[in-house]
Amino acid sequence: MNRVTAAVNNLQEEVSALVASNESIKNLLLSRVGTTVSIETISGPVSGKLLGVGKDFAQILEPTGDNVLIPIINITSVNL
């Protein structure tokens, strides 16, 4: 039982760290709406005008005219 409790506590700490990281990225992006940004994701880079930031996504208008929604959890870094 102690091992299960320890494992649950460890998972809760990891989830809390991820949520805090996602909130930091979201707040940074909110301050840059309307500007050009480059966002690195787990699938590769996305660049363009940051149109908006939702509860769990960022919306980018690429130079090609494509509108891209990026889940915040998939963002690895932001270049402003």
PDB file of N, CA and C in Angstrom:
ATOM      1  N   MET A   1       0.822  -1.188   0.000  1.00  0.00           N
ATOM      2  CA  MET A   1       0.000   0.000   0.000  1.00  0.00           C
ATOM      3  C   MET A   1       0.870   1.258   0.000  1.00  0.00           C
ATOM      4  N   ASN A   2       1.987   1.231   0.721  1.00  0.00           N
ATOM      5  CA  ASN A   2       2.874   2.394   0.771  1.00  0.00           C
ATOM      6  C   ASN A   2       3.454   2.712  -0.609  1.00  0.00           C
ATOM      7  N   ARG A   3       3.777   1.669  -1.373  1.00  0.00           N
ATOM      8  CA  ARG A   3       4.316   1.890  -2.712  1.00  0.00           C
ATOM      9  C   ARG A   3       3.278   2.532  -3.631  1.00  0.00           C
ATOM     10  N   VAL A   4       2.040   2.106  -3.515  1.00  0.00           N
ATOM     11  CA  VAL A   4       0.971   2.681  -4.336  1.00  0.00           C
ATOM     12  C   VAL A   4       0.765   4.148  -3.966  1.00  0.00           C
ATOM     13  N   THR A   5       0.756   4.431  -2.685  1.00  0.00           N
ATOM     14  CA  THR A   5       0.593   5.817  -2.229  1.00  0.00           C
ATOM     15  C   THR A   5       1.744   6.679  -2.718  1.00  0.00           C
ATOM     16  N   ALA A   6       2.958   6.172  -2.647  1.00  0.00           N
ATOM     17  CA  ALA A   6       4.129   6.912  -3.122  1.00  0.00           C
ATOM     18  C   ALA A   6       4.042   7.153  -4.627  1.00  0.00           C
ATOM     19  N   ALA A   7       3.603   6.137  -5.373  1.00  0.00           N
ATOM     20  CA  ALA A   7       3.480   6.284  -6.823  1.00  0.00           C
ATOM     21  C   ALA A   7       2.416   7.325  -7.182  1.00  0.00           C
ATOM     22  N   VAL A   8       1.304   7.313  -6.489  1.00  0.00           N
ATOM     23  CA  VAL A   8       0.241   8.299  -6.723  1.00  0.00           C
ATOM     24  C   VAL A   8       0.740   9.703  -6.391  1.00  0.00           C
ATOM     25  N   ASN A   9       1.427   9.853  -5.298  1.00  0.00           N
ATOM     26  CA  ASN A   9       1.976  11.162  -4.923  1.00  0.00           C
ATOM     27  C   ASN A   9       2.970  11.661  -5.977  1.00  0.00           C
ATOM     28  N   ASN A  10       3.808  10.762  -6.475  1.00  0.00           N
ATOM     29  CA  ASN A  10       4.773  11.123  -7.506  1.00  0.00           C
ATOM     30  C   ASN A  10       4.060  11.584  -8.777  1.00  0.00           C
ATOM     31  N   LEU A  11       3.027  10.870  -9.192  1.00  0.00           N
ATOM     32  CA  LEU A  11       2.265  11.253 -10.376  1.00  0.00           C
ATOM     33  C   LEU A  11       1.577  12.604 -10.187  1.00  0.00           C
ATOM     34  N   GLN A  12       1.053  12.853  -9.002  1.00  0.00           N
ATOM     35  CA  GLN A  12       0.406  14.136  -8.727  1.00  0.00           C
ATOM     36  C   GLN A  12       1.402  15.286  -8.838  1.00  0.00           C
ATOM     37  N   GLU A  13       2.623  15.074  -8.367  1.00  0.00           N
ATOM     38  CA  GLU A  13       3.660  16.099  -8.475  1.00  0.00           C
ATOM     39  C   GLU A  13       4.023  16.352  -9.935  1.00  0.00           C
ATOM     40  N   GLU A  14       4.121  15.294 -10.728  1.00  0.00           N
ATOM     41  CA  GLU A  14       4.447  15.452 -12.144  1.00  0.00           C
ATOM     42  C   GLU A  14       3.340  16.198 -12.885  1.00  0.00           C
ATOM     43  N   VAL A  15       2.095  15.877 -12.611  1.00  0.00           N
ATOM     44  CA  VAL A  15       0.968  16.559 -13.246  1.00  0.00           C
ATOM     45  C   VAL A  15       0.955  18.033 -12.850  1.00  0.00           C
ATOM     46  N   SER A  16       1.201  18.332 -11.600  1.00  0.00           N
ATOM     47  CA  SER A  16       1.237  19.724 -11.136  1.00  0.00           C
ATOM     48  C   SER A  16       2.327  20.514 -11.861  1.00  0.00           C
ATOM     49  N   ALA A  17       3.474  19.903 -12.071  1.00  0.00           N
ATOM     50  CA  ALA A  17       4.565  20.575 -12.778  1.00  0.00           C
ATOM     51  C   ALA A  17       4.188  20.836 -14.232  1.00  0.00           C
ATOM     52  N   LEU A  18       3.532  19.886 -14.875  1.00  0.00           N
ATOM     53  CA  LEU A  18       3.104  20.074 -16.265  1.00  0.00           C
ATOM     54  C   LEU A  18       2.056  21.172 -16.378  1.00  0.00           C
ATOM     55  N   VAL A  19       1.121  21.201 -15.463  1.00  0.00           N
ATOM     56  CA  VAL A  19       0.074  22.230 -15.488  1.00  0.00           C
ATOM     57  C   VAL A  19       0.693  23.605 -15.308  1.00  0.00           C
ATOM     58  N   ALA A  20       1.642  23.742 -14.397  1.00  0.00           N
ATOM     59  CA  ALA A  20       2.306  25.029 -14.173  1.00  0.00           C
ATOM     60  C   ALA A  20       3.067  25.457 -15.420  1.00  0.00           C
ATOM     61  N   SER A  21       3.737  24.524 -16.074  1.00  0.00           N
ATOM     62  CA  SER A  21       4.480  24.825 -17.291  1.00  0.00           C
ATOM     63  C   SER A  21       3.534  25.273 -18.397  1.00  0.00           C
ATOM     64  N   ASN A  22       2.416  24.574 -18.565  1.00  0.00           N
ATOM     65  CA  ASN A  22       1.433  24.940 -19.585  1.00  0.00           C
ATOM     66  C   ASN A  22       0.857  26.329 -19.320  1.00  0.00           C
ATOM     67  N   GLU A  23       0.598  26.671 -18.073  1.00  0.00           N
ATOM     68  CA  GLU A  23       0.076  27.989 -17.724  1.00  0.00           C
ATOM     69  C   GLU A  23       1.096  29.077 -18.042  1.00  0.00           C
ATOM     70  N   SER A  24       2.368  28.797 -17.808  1.00  0.00           N
ATOM     71  CA  SER A  24       3.421  29.766 -18.123  1.00  0.00           C
ATOM     72  C   SER A  24       3.485  30.032 -19.626  1.00  0.00           C
ATOM     73  N   ILE A  25       3.433  28.964 -20.422  1.00  0.00           N
ATOM     74  CA  ILE A  25       3.454  29.106 -21.871  1.00  0.00           C
ATOM     75  C   ILE A  25       2.214  29.869 -22.336  1.00  0.00           C
ATOM     76  N   LYS A  26       1.061  29.515 -21.788  1.00  0.00           N
ATOM     77  CA  LYS A  26      -0.187  30.183 -22.160  1.00  0.00           C
ATOM     78  C   LYS A  26      -0.119  31.673 -21.851  1.00  0.00           C
ATOM     79  N   ASN A  27       0.356  32.036 -20.671  1.00  0.00           N
ATOM     80  CA  ASN A  27       0.459  33.445 -20.293  1.00  0.00           C
ATOM     81  C   ASN A  27       1.437  34.199 -21.186  1.00  0.00           C
ATOM     82  N   LEU A  28       2.550  33.571 -21.535  1.00  0.00           N
ATOM     83  CA  LEU A  28       3.508  34.192 -22.444  1.00  0.00           C
ATOM     84  C   LEU A  28       2.855  34.457 -23.797  1.00  0.00           C
ATOM     85  N   LEU A  29       2.148  33.454 -24.323  1.00  0.00           N
ATOM     86  CA  LEU A  29       1.503  33.611 -25.619  1.00  0.00           C
ATOM     87  C   LEU A  29       0.401  34.668 -25.582  1.00  0.00           C
ATOM     88  N   LEU A  30      -0.356  34.724 -24.504  1.00  0.00           N
ATOM     89  CA  LEU A  30      -1.414  35.732 -24.383  1.00  0.00           C
ATOM     90  C   LEU A  30      -0.854  37.145 -24.519  1.00  0.00           C
ATOM     91  N   SER A  31       0.358  37.344 -24.039  1.00  0.00           N
ATOM     92  CA  SER A  31       0.973  38.671 -24.119  1.00  0.00           C
ATOM     93  C   SER A  31       1.489  38.984 -25.521  1.00  0.00           C
ATOM     94  N   ARG A  32       1.494  37.991 -26.418  1.00  0.00           N
ATOM     95  CA  ARG A  32       2.058  38.174 -27.761  1.00  0.00           C
ATOM     96  C   ARG A  32       1.008  38.045 -28.883  1.00  0.00           C
ATOM     97  N   VAL A  33      -0.275  37.996 -28.529  1.00  0.00           N
ATOM     98  CA  VAL A  33      -1.317  37.891 -29.553  1.00  0.00           C
ATOM     99  C   VAL A  33      -1.190  39.072 -30.513  1.00  0.00           C
ATOM    100  N   GLY A  34      -1.263  38.775 -31.799  1.00  0.00           N
ATOM    101  CA  GLY A  34      -1.150  39.804 -32.826  1.00  0.00           C
ATOM    102  C   GLY A  34       0.260  39.979 -33.367  1.00  0.00           C
ATOM    103  N   THR A  35       1.219  39.286 -32.788  1.00  0.00           N
ATOM    104  CA  THR A  35       2.602  39.385 -33.240  1.00  0.00           C
ATOM    105  C   THR A  35       3.008  38.096 -33.948  1.00  0.00           C
ATOM    106  N   THR A  36       4.146  38.136 -34.604  1.00  0.00           N
ATOM    107  CA  THR A  36       4.683  36.961 -35.274  1.00  0.00           C
ATOM    108  C   THR A  36       5.529  36.161 -34.289  1.00  0.00           C
ATOM    109  N   VAL A  37       5.266  34.876 -34.219  1.00  0.00           N
ATOM    110  CA  VAL A  37       5.994  33.994 -33.311  1.00  0.00           C
ATOM    111  C   VAL A  37       6.397  32.727 -34.043  1.00  0.00           C
ATOM    112  N   SER A  38       7.354  32.026 -33.490  1.00  0.00           N
ATOM    113  CA  SER A  38       7.739  30.701 -33.948  1.00  0.00           C
ATOM    114  C   SER A  38       7.594  29.766 -32.760  1.00  0.00           C
ATOM    115  N   ILE A  39       6.795  28.739 -32.932  1.00  0.00           N
ATOM    116  CA  ILE A  39       6.513  27.805 -31.844  1.00  0.00           C
ATOM    117  C   ILE A  39       7.058  26.439 -32.223  1.00  0.00           C
ATOM    118  N   GLU A  40       7.889  25.890 -31.365  1.00  0.00           N
ATOM    119  CA  GLU A  40       8.377  24.522 -31.546  1.00  0.00           C
ATOM    120  C   GLU A  40       7.388  23.584 -30.872  1.00  0.00           C
ATOM    121  N   THR A  41       7.000  22.541 -31.607  1.00  0.00           N
ATOM    122  CA  THR A  41       6.090  21.546 -31.054  1.00  0.00           C
ATOM    123  C   THR A  41       6.735  20.176 -31.135  1.00  0.00           C
ATOM    124  N   ILE A  42       6.086  19.195 -30.557  1.00  0.00           N
ATOM    125  CA  ILE A  42       6.607  17.839 -30.636  1.00  0.00           C
ATOM    126  C   ILE A  42       6.574  17.313 -32.071  1.00  0.00           C
ATOM    127  N   SER A  43       5.815  17.990 -32.956  1.00  0.00           N
ATOM    128  CA  SER A  43       5.728  17.592 -34.364  1.00  0.00           C
ATOM    129  C   SER A  43       6.580  18.451 -35.292  1.00  0.00           C
ATOM    130  N   GLY A  44       7.208  19.493 -34.750  1.00  0.00           N
ATOM    131  CA  GLY A  44       8.019  20.379 -35.573  1.00  0.00           C
ATOM    132  C   GLY A  44       7.612  21.831 -35.372  1.00  0.00           C
ATOM    133  N   PRO A  45       8.310  22.755 -36.057  1.00  0.00           N
ATOM    134  CA  PRO A  45       8.059  24.183 -35.859  1.00  0.00           C
ATOM    135  C   PRO A  45       6.825  24.684 -36.612  1.00  0.00           C
ATOM    136  N   VAL A  46       6.188  25.700 -36.022  1.00  0.00           N
ATOM    137  CA  VAL A  46       5.078  26.405 -36.659  1.00  0.00           C
ATOM    138  C   VAL A  46       5.352  27.890 -36.459  1.00  0.00           C
ATOM    139  N   SER A  47       5.326  28.666 -37.553  1.00  0.00           N
ATOM    140  CA  SER A  47       5.593  30.101 -37.468  1.00  0.00           C
ATOM    141  C   SER A  47       4.471  30.873 -38.138  1.00  0.00           C
ATOM    142  N   GLY A  48       4.232  32.072 -37.620  1.00  0.00           N
ATOM    143  CA  GLY A  48       3.240  32.944 -38.221  1.00  0.00           C
ATOM    144  C   GLY A  48       2.686  33.910 -37.195  1.00  0.00           C
ATOM    145  N   LYS A  49       1.586  34.545 -37.565  1.00  0.00           N
ATOM    146  CA  LYS A  49       0.944  35.522 -36.689  1.00  0.00           C
ATOM    147  C   LYS A  49       0.089  34.788 -35.657  1.00  0.00           C
ATOM    148  N   LEU A  50       0.317  35.100 -34.394  1.00  0.00           N
ATOM    149  CA  LEU A  50      -0.460  34.503 -33.312  1.00  0.00           C
ATOM    150  C   LEU A  50      -1.817  35.202 -33.261  1.00  0.00           C
ATOM    151  N   LEU A  51      -2.868  34.488 -33.664  1.00  0.00           N
ATOM    152  CA  LEU A  51      -4.203  35.077 -33.722  1.00  0.00           C
ATOM    153  C   LEU A  51      -4.924  35.042 -32.388  1.00  0.00           C
ATOM    154  N   GLY A  52      -4.660  34.018 -31.597  1.00  0.00           N
ATOM    155  CA  GLY A  52      -5.352  33.905 -30.320  1.00  0.00           C
ATOM    156  C   GLY A  52      -4.838  32.743 -29.503  1.00  0.00           C
ATOM    157  N   VAL A  53      -5.261  32.750 -28.246  1.00  0.00           N
ATOM    158  CA  VAL A  53      -4.900  31.688 -27.314  1.00  0.00           C
ATOM    159  C   VAL A  53      -6.162  31.290 -26.568  1.00  0.00           C
ATOM    160  N   GLY A  54      -6.495  30.016 -26.646  1.00  0.00           N
ATOM    161  CA  GLY A  54      -7.663  29.505 -25.946  1.00  0.00           C
ATOM    162  C   GLY A  54      -7.280  28.822 -24.653  1.00  0.00           C
ATOM    163  N   LYS A  55      -8.212  28.123 -24.087  1.00  0.00           N
ATOM    164  CA  LYS A  55      -7.978  27.431 -22.817  1.00  0.00           C
ATOM    165  C   LYS A  55      -6.801  26.461 -22.904  1.00  0.00           C
ATOM    166  N   ASP A  56      -6.697  25.749 -24.040  1.00  0.00           N
ATOM    167  CA  ASP A  56      -5.642  24.750 -24.163  1.00  0.00           C
ATOM    168  C   ASP A  56      -5.010  24.707 -25.554  1.00  0.00           C
ATOM    169  N   PHE A  57      -5.098  25.823 -26.298  1.00  0.00           N
ATOM    170  CA  PHE A  57      -4.513  25.849 -27.636  1.00  0.00           C
ATOM    171  C   PHE A  57      -4.061  27.254 -28.007  1.00  0.00           C
ATOM    172  N   ALA A  58      -3.183  27.301 -29.012  1.00  0.00           N
ATOM    173  CA  ALA A  58      -2.769  28.565 -29.633  1.00  0.00           C
ATOM    174  C   ALA A  58      -3.158  28.489 -31.104  1.00  0.00           C
ATOM    175  N   GLN A  59      -3.580  29.626 -31.661  1.00  0.00           N
ATOM    176  CA  GLN A  59      -3.992  29.687 -33.061  1.00  0.00           C
ATOM    177  C   GLN A  59      -3.013  30.557 -33.831  1.00  0.00           C
ATOM    178  N   ILE A  60      -2.415  29.976 -34.868  1.00  0.00           N
ATOM    179  CA  ILE A  60      -1.398  30.650 -35.685  1.00  0.00           C
ATOM    180  C   ILE A  60      -1.898  30.752 -37.129  1.00  0.00           C
ATOM    181  N   LEU A  61      -1.697  31.923 -37.727  1.00  0.00           N
ATOM    182  CA  LEU A  61      -1.942  32.103 -39.159  1.00  0.00           C
ATOM    183  C   LEU A  61      -0.586  32.066 -39.845  1.00  0.00           C
ATOM    184  N   GLU A  62      -0.331  30.983 -40.589  1.00  0.00           N
ATOM    185  CA  GLU A  62       0.951  30.828 -41.276  1.00  0.00           C
ATOM    186  C   GLU A  62       1.005  31.740 -42.504  1.00  0.00           C
ATOM    187  N   PRO A  63       2.219  32.068 -42.978  1.00  0.00           N
ATOM    188  CA  PRO A  63       2.356  32.904 -44.176  1.00  0.00           C
ATOM    189  C   PRO A  63       1.652  32.329 -45.403  1.00  0.00           C
ATOM    190  N   THR A  64       1.443  31.016 -45.432  1.00  0.00           N
ATOM    191  CA  THR A  64       0.756  30.360 -46.547  1.00  0.00           C
ATOM    192  C   THR A  64      -0.754  30.595 -46.514  1.00  0.00           C
ATOM    193  N   GLY A  65      -1.239  31.149 -45.388  1.00  0.00           N
ATOM    194  CA  GLY A  65      -2.677  31.351 -45.216  1.00  0.00           C
ATOM    195  C   GLY A  65      -3.341  30.248 -44.409  1.00  0.00           C
ATOM    196  N   ASP A  66      -2.573  29.219 -44.079  1.00  0.00           N
ATOM    197  CA  ASP A  66      -3.116  28.128 -43.270  1.00  0.00           C
ATOM    198  C   ASP A  66      -3.328  28.597 -41.837  1.00  0.00           C
ATOM    199  N   ASN A  67      -4.440  28.195 -41.266  1.00  0.00           N
ATOM    200  CA  ASN A  67      -4.787  28.490 -39.892  1.00  0.00           C
ATOM    201  C   ASN A  67      -4.500  27.233 -39.072  1.00  0.00           C
ATOM    202  N   VAL A  68      -3.601  27.324 -38.102  1.00  0.00           N
ATOM    203  CA  VAL A  68      -3.155  26.150 -37.352  1.00  0.00           C
ATOM    204  C   VAL A  68      -3.525  26.297 -35.885  1.00  0.00           C
ATOM    205  N   LEU A  69      -4.135  25.255 -35.331  1.00  0.00           N
ATOM    206  CA  LEU A  69      -4.414  25.192 -33.897  1.00  0.00           C
ATOM    207  C   LEU A  69      -3.395  24.248 -33.266  1.00  0.00           C
ATOM    208  N   ILE A  70      -2.703  24.745 -32.249  1.00  0.00           N
ATOM    209  CA  ILE A  70      -1.650  23.970 -31.596  1.00  0.00           C
ATOM    210  C   ILE A  70      -2.044  23.717 -30.146  1.00  0.00           C
ATOM    211  N   PRO A  71      -2.184  22.461 -29.750  1.00  0.00           N
ATOM    212  CA  PRO A  71      -2.446  22.183 -28.338  1.00  0.00           C
ATOM    213  C   PRO A  71      -1.280  22.689 -27.474  1.00  0.00           C
ATOM    214  N   ILE A  72      -1.579  23.428 -26.433  1.00  0.00           N
ATOM    215  CA  ILE A  72      -0.530  23.989 -25.569  1.00  0.00           C
ATOM    216  C   ILE A  72       0.361  22.878 -25.010  1.00  0.00           C
ATOM    217  N   ILE A  73      -0.209  21.743 -24.725  1.00  0.00           N
ATOM    218  CA  ILE A  73       0.563  20.636 -24.148  1.00  0.00           C
ATOM    219  C   ILE A  73       1.626  20.133 -25.123  1.00  0.00           C
ATOM    220  N   ASN A  74       1.460  20.401 -26.434  1.00  0.00           N
ATOM    221  CA  ASN A  74       2.429  19.961 -27.439  1.00  0.00           C
ATOM    222  C   ASN A  74       3.542  20.972 -27.701  1.00  0.00           C
ATOM    223  N   ILE A  75       3.474  22.139 -27.069  1.00  0.00           N
ATOM    224  CA  ILE A  75       4.484  23.184 -27.286  1.00  0.00           C
ATOM    225  C   ILE A  75       5.724  22.885 -26.441  1.00  0.00           C
ATOM    226  N   THR A  76       6.882  22.854 -27.111  1.00  0.00           N
ATOM    227  CA  THR A  76       8.131  22.608 -26.401  1.00  0.00           C
ATOM    228  C   THR A  76       8.914  23.889 -26.153  1.00  0.00           C
ATOM    229  N   SER A  77       8.739  24.900 -27.049  1.00  0.00           N
ATOM    230  CA  SER A  77       9.391  26.191 -26.836  1.00  0.00           C
ATOM    231  C   SER A  77       8.729  27.241 -27.721  1.00  0.00           C
ATOM    232  N   VAL A  78       8.962  28.510 -27.354  1.00  0.00           N
ATOM    233  CA  VAL A  78       8.403  29.641 -28.092  1.00  0.00           C
ATOM    234  C   VAL A  78       9.522  30.620 -28.383  1.00  0.00           C
ATOM    235  N   ASN A  79       9.633  31.043 -29.646  1.00  0.00           N
ATOM    236  CA  ASN A  79      10.585  32.072 -30.037  1.00  0.00           C
ATOM    237  C   ASN A  79       9.790  33.312 -30.423  1.00  0.00           C
ATOM    238  N   LEU A  80      10.077  34.402 -29.743  1.00  0.00           N
ATOM    239  CA  LEU A  80       9.328  35.637 -29.991  1.00  0.00           C
ATOM    240  C   LEU A  80      10.064  36.547 -30.935  1.00  0.00           C
TER     241      LEU A  80
END
